[in-house]
Protein backbone atom coordinates (compact mmCIF):
# COMPACT_ATOMS: atom_id res chain seq x y z
CA MET A 1 -52.62 -22.68 -55.26
CA VAL A 2 -48.83 -22.98 -55.03
CA SER A 3 -46.11 -23.86 -57.52
CA VAL A 4 -44.17 -27.14 -57.47
CA PHE A 5 -41.14 -25.47 -55.90
CA GLN A 6 -43.24 -23.56 -53.36
CA ALA A 7 -44.88 -26.84 -52.32
CA LEU A 8 -41.50 -28.52 -51.83
CA SER A 9 -40.21 -25.52 -49.88
CA ILE A 10 -43.22 -25.56 -47.54
CA ILE A 11 -42.78 -29.30 -46.92
CA ASP A 12 -39.07 -28.73 -46.26
CA GLN A 13 -39.77 -25.95 -43.74
CA ASN A 14 -42.21 -28.20 -41.87
CA THR A 15 -40.20 -31.44 -41.82
CA GLU A 16 -37.49 -32.52 -39.40
CA ALA A 17 -35.63 -35.76 -38.79
CA LEU A 18 -37.34 -37.94 -36.21
CA SER A 19 -35.93 -38.53 -32.73
CA PRO A 20 -33.03 -41.00 -32.33
CA MET A 21 -33.60 -44.48 -30.97
CA LEU A 22 -31.22 -47.19 -29.75
CA LEU A 23 -32.00 -50.29 -31.84
CA PRO A 24 -30.53 -53.79 -32.21
CA LEU A 25 -28.60 -54.63 -35.37
CA SER A 26 -31.48 -56.80 -36.60
CA GLU A 27 -33.62 -53.65 -37.00
CA VAL A 28 -31.23 -50.97 -38.31
CA ASN A 29 -30.66 -51.86 -41.97
CA GLY A 30 -31.57 -48.78 -44.02
CA CYS A 31 -31.56 -46.46 -40.98
CA VAL A 32 -29.25 -43.47 -40.52
CA LEU A 33 -26.75 -43.22 -37.67
CA ALA A 34 -27.61 -40.51 -35.14
CA GLU A 35 -24.07 -40.35 -33.71
CA ASP A 36 -20.50 -41.26 -34.58
CA VAL A 37 -19.51 -44.85 -33.87
CA LYS A 38 -16.12 -45.59 -32.26
CA ALA A 39 -14.47 -48.99 -32.32
CA PRO A 40 -14.65 -50.62 -28.88
CA ILE A 41 -11.85 -53.05 -29.80
CA ASN A 42 -8.95 -53.46 -32.20
CA LEU A 43 -9.84 -55.34 -35.35
CA PRO A 44 -8.42 -57.91 -35.53
CA PRO A 45 -8.10 -58.09 -31.72
CA PHE A 46 -5.09 -60.44 -31.97
CA ARG A 47 -2.42 -61.30 -34.53
CA GLN A 48 -4.30 -63.39 -37.04
CA SER A 49 -3.27 -65.79 -39.78
CA ALA A 50 -4.30 -64.75 -43.28
CA MET A 51 -3.73 -68.24 -44.73
CA ASP A 52 -3.89 -71.93 -44.04
CA GLY A 53 -0.25 -72.92 -43.52
CA TYR A 54 2.52 -73.14 -40.94
CA ALA A 55 3.69 -70.49 -38.47
CA PHE A 56 7.39 -70.27 -37.57
CA GLN A 57 10.16 -67.93 -36.45
CA TYR A 58 11.59 -66.08 -39.43
CA GLY A 59 15.20 -67.05 -40.12
CA ALA A 60 14.63 -70.77 -39.57
CA LYS A 61 16.56 -73.06 -41.92
CA GLY A 62 16.17 -76.66 -42.96
CA ASP A 63 13.34 -78.95 -41.92
CA LEU A 64 10.96 -77.75 -39.22
CA LYS A 65 9.42 -79.93 -36.55
CA LEU A 66 5.63 -79.72 -36.14
CA ILE A 67 4.86 -79.14 -32.44
CA GLY A 68 1.22 -78.08 -32.38
CA GLU A 69 -1.80 -76.62 -34.07
CA SER A 70 -3.75 -73.33 -33.91
CA LYS A 71 -7.22 -73.15 -35.41
CA ALA A 72 -9.86 -70.42 -35.32
CA GLY A 73 -11.12 -69.98 -31.77
CA ASP A 74 -8.04 -71.43 -30.07
CA PHE A 75 -5.93 -69.58 -27.53
CA GLN A 76 -2.78 -71.52 -26.78
CA GLU A 77 0.87 -70.57 -26.39
CA PHE A 78 3.81 -72.77 -27.41
CA GLU A 79 7.50 -72.92 -26.57
CA VAL A 80 8.84 -72.49 -30.09
CA SER A 81 12.48 -72.79 -31.18
CA LYS A 82 14.00 -71.83 -34.54
CA SER A 83 13.58 -75.42 -35.69
CA ASP A 84 9.85 -75.68 -34.80
CA CYS A 85 6.61 -74.82 -36.61
CA ILE A 86 2.90 -74.77 -35.79
CA ARG A 87 0.10 -75.84 -38.09
CA ILE A 88 -2.23 -72.84 -38.43
CA PHE A 89 -5.49 -72.03 -40.20
CA THR A 90 -7.02 -68.88 -41.69
CA GLY A 91 -8.39 -66.59 -38.98
CA ALA A 92 -6.57 -68.37 -36.17
CA ARG A 93 -4.51 -66.53 -33.56
CA VAL A 94 -0.78 -66.45 -34.29
CA PRO A 95 1.09 -67.50 -31.10
CA ASP A 96 3.46 -64.93 -29.62
CA GLN A 97 6.72 -66.76 -30.34
CA VAL A 98 6.20 -67.01 -34.11
CA ASP A 99 6.10 -64.18 -36.61
CA THR A 100 5.61 -65.58 -40.13
CA VAL A 101 3.19 -67.95 -41.87
CA VAL A 102 4.13 -69.94 -44.94
CA MET A 103 1.28 -71.07 -47.19
CA GLN A 104 0.62 -74.79 -47.14
CA GLU A 105 1.09 -74.84 -50.93
CA HIS A 106 4.73 -73.75 -50.44
CA VAL A 107 5.82 -76.64 -48.21
CA GLU A 108 6.26 -80.36 -48.40
CA LYS A 109 5.55 -82.63 -45.51
CA THR A 110 8.29 -84.62 -43.83
CA ILE A 111 8.09 -87.41 -41.23
CA ASN A 112 8.24 -84.94 -38.32
CA GLY A 113 6.98 -81.74 -39.89
CA ILE A 114 7.65 -79.70 -43.06
CA ARG A 115 10.28 -78.46 -45.43
CA ILE A 116 9.75 -74.90 -46.78
CA LEU A 117 10.02 -74.85 -50.58
CA LYS A 118 9.43 -71.11 -51.01
CA MET A 119 10.58 -68.96 -48.11
CA PRO A 120 8.25 -65.98 -47.43
CA GLU A 121 9.40 -62.59 -46.17
CA LYS A 122 9.25 -61.88 -42.44
CA GLY A 123 5.70 -61.18 -41.22
CA THR A 124 4.04 -62.64 -44.33
CA ASN A 125 0.42 -63.74 -43.87
CA VAL A 126 0.24 -62.37 -40.33
CA ARG A 127 -2.44 -59.73 -39.81
CA PRO A 128 -1.28 -57.34 -37.03
CA ILE A 129 -3.52 -56.26 -34.16
CA GLY A 130 -5.73 -53.37 -35.31
CA GLU A 131 -4.77 -53.77 -38.99
CA GLN A 132 -8.35 -52.99 -40.06
CA ILE A 133 -9.47 -50.72 -37.20
CA LYS A 134 -7.78 -49.30 -34.09
CA GLN A 135 -9.59 -49.23 -30.75
CA ASN A 136 -11.41 -45.87 -30.14
CA GLU A 137 -11.07 -44.89 -33.80
CA VAL A 138 -14.20 -43.27 -35.32
CA VAL A 139 -15.25 -45.88 -37.82
CA LEU A 140 -18.64 -44.55 -38.96
CA ASN A 141 -19.85 -40.96 -38.98
CA ARG A 142 -23.19 -39.60 -37.93
CA GLY A 143 -25.49 -39.44 -40.97
CA THR A 144 -24.22 -42.69 -42.50
CA GLN A 145 -27.01 -44.83 -43.93
CA ILE A 146 -26.66 -48.40 -42.71
CA ASN A 147 -26.51 -51.24 -45.24
CA ALA A 148 -25.82 -54.98 -44.99
CA ALA A 149 -22.03 -54.48 -45.04
CA ILE A 150 -22.22 -51.95 -42.19
CA VAL A 151 -24.43 -54.30 -40.15
CA GLY A 152 -21.77 -57.00 -40.55
CA PHE A 153 -18.97 -54.56 -39.75
CA LEU A 154 -20.69 -53.42 -36.54
CA ALA A 155 -21.31 -57.01 -35.49
CA GLY A 156 -17.64 -57.80 -36.11
CA LEU A 157 -16.74 -55.04 -33.66
CA GLY A 158 -18.96 -56.62 -31.02
CA ILE A 159 -21.54 -53.82 -31.24
CA SER A 160 -25.09 -55.10 -30.76
CA LYS A 161 -27.05 -51.81 -30.71
CA VAL A 162 -26.62 -48.40 -32.35
CA LEU A 163 -28.36 -45.03 -32.06
CA VAL A 164 -30.26 -44.33 -35.28
CA ILE A 165 -32.96 -42.02 -36.61
CA ARG A 166 -36.06 -44.11 -36.15
CA LYS A 167 -38.22 -45.20 -39.06
CA PRO A 168 -41.32 -43.06 -39.65
CA LYS A 169 -44.60 -44.77 -38.78
CA ILE A 170 -47.04 -44.45 -41.69
CA SER A 171 -50.84 -44.66 -41.90
CA LEU A 172 -52.60 -45.06 -45.25
CA ILE A 173 -56.28 -44.35 -45.97
CA VAL A 174 -57.91 -44.91 -49.35
CA THR A 175 -61.42 -43.49 -49.85
CA GLY A 176 -64.21 -44.32 -52.29
CA ASN A 177 -67.61 -46.05 -52.49
CA GLU A 178 -66.84 -47.22 -56.02
CA LEU A 179 -63.79 -49.27 -55.07
CA GLN A 180 -64.00 -53.04 -55.26
CA GLU A 181 -61.43 -55.67 -54.28
CA PRO A 182 -59.46 -57.32 -57.10
CA GLY A 183 -60.47 -60.95 -57.62
CA THR A 184 -64.19 -60.27 -57.24
CA LEU A 185 -66.80 -59.98 -60.01
CA LEU A 186 -66.88 -56.30 -60.98
CA GLU A 187 -70.24 -54.68 -60.27
CA PRO A 188 -71.75 -52.07 -62.62
CA GLY A 189 -70.42 -48.60 -61.76
CA SER A 190 -67.51 -49.94 -59.70
CA VAL A 191 -63.78 -50.03 -60.35
CA TYR A 192 -61.15 -52.29 -58.88
CA GLU A 193 -59.23 -50.79 -55.97
CA SER A 194 -55.64 -50.12 -57.04
CA ASN A 195 -54.32 -47.18 -54.99
CA GLN A 196 -54.07 -49.03 -51.69
CA TYR A 197 -52.10 -51.87 -53.28
CA MET A 198 -49.98 -49.41 -55.28
CA LEU A 199 -49.08 -47.15 -52.36
CA GLU A 200 -48.41 -50.05 -49.98
CA ALA A 201 -46.01 -51.49 -52.58
CA ALA A 202 -44.35 -48.10 -53.12
CA LEU A 203 -43.81 -47.71 -49.37
CA GLN A 204 -41.88 -51.00 -49.30
CA SER A 205 -39.03 -49.20 -51.10
CA GLU A 206 -38.83 -46.60 -48.32
CA ASN A 207 -37.35 -46.93 -44.85
CA VAL A 208 -40.70 -46.78 -43.03
CA GLU A 209 -43.04 -48.81 -40.86
CA LEU A 210 -46.59 -49.06 -42.23
CA ILE A 211 -48.71 -49.37 -39.08
CA HIS A 212 -52.20 -48.89 -40.51
CA SER A 213 -53.87 -49.24 -43.93
CA GLU A 214 -57.59 -49.19 -44.67
CA HIS A 215 -60.28 -48.48 -47.26
CA VAL A 216 -62.95 -46.02 -46.09
CA LEU A 217 -66.35 -45.30 -47.62
CA ASP A 218 -67.32 -41.79 -48.66
CA ASP A 219 -69.24 -40.58 -45.61
CA LYS A 220 -68.40 -37.92 -43.03
CA GLU A 221 -68.37 -40.08 -39.92
CA SER A 222 -66.24 -42.90 -41.37
CA THR A 223 -63.75 -40.42 -42.84
CA PHE A 224 -63.46 -38.44 -39.59
CA HIS A 225 -62.85 -41.51 -37.42
CA ALA A 226 -60.42 -43.08 -39.91
CA ILE A 227 -58.30 -39.91 -39.90
CA GLN A 228 -58.52 -39.69 -36.10
CA LYS A 229 -57.07 -43.22 -35.84
CA ALA A 230 -54.47 -42.65 -38.58
CA LEU A 231 -53.02 -39.66 -36.73
CA GLU A 232 -51.33 -42.07 -34.33
CA ALA A 233 -48.64 -42.31 -37.04
CA ASP A 234 -45.83 -39.86 -37.87
CA LEU A 235 -47.10 -39.43 -41.42
CA VAL A 236 -50.61 -39.95 -42.80
CA MET A 237 -51.37 -40.54 -46.47
CA ILE A 238 -54.93 -40.27 -47.73
CA SER A 239 -55.82 -41.11 -51.32
CA GLY A 240 -59.05 -39.67 -52.72
CA GLY A 241 -61.83 -37.52 -51.32
CA ILE A 242 -59.82 -34.29 -51.35
CA SER A 243 -61.56 -32.51 -54.24
CA VAL A 244 -64.70 -30.37 -53.90
CA GLY A 245 -67.41 -32.86 -54.81
CA ASP A 246 -70.49 -33.54 -52.69
CA TYR A 247 -68.93 -36.78 -51.43
CA ASP A 248 -65.42 -35.51 -50.78
CA PHE A 249 -65.14 -35.32 -46.99
CA VAL A 250 -61.38 -35.52 -46.42
CA LYS A 251 -60.61 -31.79 -46.20
CA GLU A 252 -63.47 -31.17 -43.75
CA SER A 253 -62.49 -34.20 -41.65
CA LEU A 254 -58.86 -33.10 -41.49
CA GLU A 255 -59.90 -29.68 -40.19
CA LYS A 256 -62.20 -31.25 -37.57
CA ASN A 257 -59.29 -33.45 -36.44
CA GLY A 258 -57.16 -30.36 -35.85
CA VAL A 259 -54.84 -30.76 -38.85
CA GLU A 260 -53.55 -27.36 -40.01
CA GLU A 261 -53.51 -26.79 -43.76
CA LYS A 262 -50.14 -25.70 -45.15
CA PHE A 263 -51.17 -25.66 -48.81
CA TYR A 264 -53.95 -26.97 -51.02
CA LYS A 265 -53.57 -27.49 -54.78
CA VAL A 266 -50.34 -27.35 -56.76
CA ASN A 267 -50.12 -25.83 -60.22
CA GLN A 268 -49.16 -29.12 -61.83
CA LYS A 269 -50.48 -31.94 -63.97
CA PRO A 270 -51.14 -34.64 -62.91
CA GLY A 271 -51.84 -34.15 -59.21
CA LYS A 272 -53.24 -30.63 -58.87
CA PRO A 273 -55.57 -31.34 -55.86
CA LEU A 274 -52.77 -32.20 -53.44
CA TRP A 275 -53.33 -31.16 -49.81
CA TYR A 276 -50.58 -30.92 -47.20
CA GLY A 277 -50.86 -30.12 -43.52
CA LYS A 278 -49.63 -30.86 -40.00
CA LYS A 279 -50.95 -31.62 -36.56
CA GLY A 280 -48.12 -30.95 -34.14
CA GLU A 281 -45.20 -32.86 -35.61
CA LYS A 282 -47.43 -35.24 -37.59
CA GLN A 283 -47.34 -34.90 -41.37
CA VAL A 284 -50.49 -35.32 -43.49
CA PHE A 285 -50.68 -35.69 -47.26
CA ALA A 286 -54.07 -35.94 -48.93
CA LEU A 287 -53.36 -37.24 -52.43
CA PRO A 288 -55.69 -37.10 -55.43
CA GLY A 289 -57.74 -40.25 -56.02
CA ASN A 290 -56.81 -40.76 -59.67
CA PRO A 291 -54.07 -43.43 -59.68
CA ALA A 292 -51.48 -41.62 -61.83
CA SER A 293 -52.01 -38.40 -59.87
CA SER A 294 -51.74 -40.22 -56.56
CA LEU A 295 -48.51 -42.00 -57.51
CA THR A 296 -46.96 -38.84 -58.97
CA CYS A 297 -47.62 -36.88 -55.76
CA PHE A 298 -46.24 -39.75 -53.69
CA LEU A 299 -43.00 -39.91 -55.69
CA ILE A 300 -42.41 -36.14 -55.79
CA TYR A 301 -43.62 -34.97 -52.38
CA VAL A 302 -44.30 -37.78 -49.90
CA THR A 303 -41.02 -39.61 -50.46
CA ALA A 304 -39.18 -36.29 -50.02
CA ALA A 305 -40.75 -35.81 -46.59
CA ILE A 306 -40.14 -39.44 -45.60
CA ARG A 307 -36.46 -39.29 -46.51
CA LYS A 308 -35.93 -36.10 -44.55
CA MET A 309 -37.78 -37.61 -41.57
CA ASN A 310 -35.60 -40.73 -41.54
CA GLY A 311 -32.44 -38.74 -42.23
CA THR A 312 -31.55 -40.35 -45.56
CA ALA A 313 -31.88 -37.29 -47.84
CA ALA A 314 -32.65 -33.58 -47.96
CA ILE A 315 -35.77 -32.45 -49.78
CA ASP A 316 -34.72 -31.91 -53.38
CA ILE A 317 -36.50 -32.46 -56.69
CA ASN A 318 -33.22 -33.88 -58.11
CA LEU A 319 -33.57 -32.58 -61.66
CA LYS A 320 -31.19 -34.05 -64.24
CA LYS A 321 -30.42 -32.93 -67.79
CA GLY A 322 -31.51 -34.95 -70.79
CA ARG A 323 -32.40 -34.68 -74.45
CA MET A 324 -35.94 -34.68 -75.86
CA LYS A 325 -36.97 -37.24 -78.46
CA GLY A 326 -40.00 -35.95 -80.33
CA ASN A 327 -42.10 -32.82 -79.82
CA TYR A 328 -44.49 -31.80 -77.04
CA LYS A 329 -46.77 -28.80 -76.44
CA ASN A 330 -47.75 -27.66 -72.96
CA VAL A 331 -51.23 -26.19 -73.38
CA PHE A 332 -52.16 -26.40 -69.69
CA ASN A 333 -50.29 -23.43 -68.15
CA LYS A 334 -49.14 -25.88 -65.49
CA SER A 335 -45.92 -27.65 -64.59
CA LEU A 336 -46.04 -31.15 -66.03
CA PHE A 337 -44.69 -34.47 -64.76
CA LEU A 338 -44.78 -36.63 -67.88
CA GLN A 339 -43.99 -40.33 -67.67
CA VAL A 340 -41.06 -41.20 -69.94
CA ARG A 341 -38.51 -43.89 -70.58
CA GLU A 342 -35.00 -42.52 -70.10
CA GLY A 343 -32.10 -44.23 -71.83
CA GLY A 344 -28.68 -42.68 -72.33
CA GLY A 345 -30.10 -39.30 -71.37
CA GLU A 346 -32.70 -39.43 -74.15
CA LEU A 347 -36.37 -39.06 -73.20
CA GLU A 348 -39.49 -40.06 -75.08
CA VAL A 349 -42.97 -39.19 -73.79
CA TYR A 350 -45.55 -41.98 -73.64
CA PRO A 351 -48.85 -41.05 -75.32
CA LYS A 352 -51.26 -42.00 -72.49
CA GLN A 353 -50.67 -39.40 -69.76
CA ALA A 354 -54.16 -39.06 -68.21
CA SER A 355 -54.36 -38.81 -64.42
CA SER A 356 -56.54 -41.93 -64.33
CA MET A 357 -54.09 -44.09 -66.29
CA LEU A 358 -51.25 -46.16 -64.85
CA VAL A 359 -50.33 -47.88 -68.12
CA SER A 360 -47.58 -45.36 -68.97
CA PHE A 361 -46.12 -45.73 -65.47
CA THR A 362 -45.64 -49.46 -66.12
CA GLN A 363 -43.21 -48.62 -68.95
CA SER A 364 -41.53 -45.55 -67.42
CA ASN A 365 -38.47 -44.91 -65.28
CA ALA A 366 -38.53 -41.10 -65.13
CA PHE A 367 -40.63 -37.95 -65.20
CA LEU A 368 -39.99 -35.34 -67.87
CA PHE A 369 -40.42 -32.10 -65.92
CA VAL A 370 -41.93 -29.28 -67.96
CA PRO A 371 -42.10 -25.93 -66.09
CA ASP A 372 -45.38 -24.02 -66.33
CA ASP A 373 -43.79 -21.25 -68.42
CA VAL A 374 -42.49 -23.68 -71.09
CA LYS A 375 -45.08 -23.96 -73.86
CA GLU A 376 -43.32 -26.20 -76.36
CA ILE A 377 -40.44 -28.67 -76.47
CA GLN A 378 -38.93 -29.71 -79.78
CA ASP A 379 -36.97 -32.77 -80.80
CA GLY A 380 -33.37 -32.51 -79.58
CA ASP A 381 -34.04 -29.79 -76.99
CA GLU A 382 -32.28 -30.01 -73.65
CA VAL A 383 -34.83 -30.89 -70.98
CA MET A 384 -34.97 -31.73 -67.27
CA TYR A 385 -36.04 -35.08 -65.90
CA ILE A 386 -36.46 -36.86 -62.56
CA PRO A 387 -35.54 -40.55 -62.43
CA PHE A 388 -37.65 -42.87 -60.29
CA LYS A 389 -37.67 -46.54 -59.45
CA LEU A 390 -40.80 -48.50 -58.59
């Protein structure tokens, strides 16, 4: 059995970012750049009007004659004198022979053109070439996580594909003869299946691709073949069947499938019977079957591995300081992950903390982390917590 920090260290030592892949912009949101991105063009690529108005040569006096129009998408040159102007719209190219744009609100129309009521300074409302970005400038660094704004920015530069750390492919197996689908009439001795729904939903918050998810009965052959198929993924999650009961076949099936054990059991509550191993570069987590234990291990350990694999974060327990509200005794000689509601740095432990219960999770947004050598926490004590979002 290992400690919480030993378990995280072992996972860290055995986890690397996945290989880069060139992907279209439609598939890269949430991914991490695998190389620096340089601007292939100036942005804007031409002198651009920042306003709807009229373009003219600075220094013009009196009424100006309207000789043409420039709207977004046009490319047209004009012979422009000091007494001429061009109707222009936001985003349109500013013709070469004009240098200033007056807002349409600052003019009045005449029979042949306009009269400027409020003269702007030279160059007003004209965006110069490369004002935002210069050609060949490094605009995004390797390691940047892509979001919607970055997708739009890349598209605006004319970039259609970028090299990113690919999303981990995930397989999920949930074991148990007693599990029954929600929406059916519950049979005596059965319970409704919750872990598969819970873990699938939790994975939606991660930058992954779930390629396989199934419920497997508690028998050797089914468990072996399910794991064999699941190992096509980069990371396999198994919920249940990892303890030492007569119908727990996961550990044996993992060994028969050539998965090397890195650790088994963590000195923690909930989630002690956590198993972690590898087959080549493929990661395998066998989570406890009790729902609260399974979700705790997912949030502390599996997400850490996923985020290192997709390049979004290093493996770190991310402990924060808070203040205890109430008293708590640790009588288990284990590290505890207690579900709490954190508000303003103050933490209050929910009363129902059993490994089989999800009710406290529904009201929580953090774990209170109690190290195994801490026996008692009193009201007002400084404590450590780990925020989470489900």
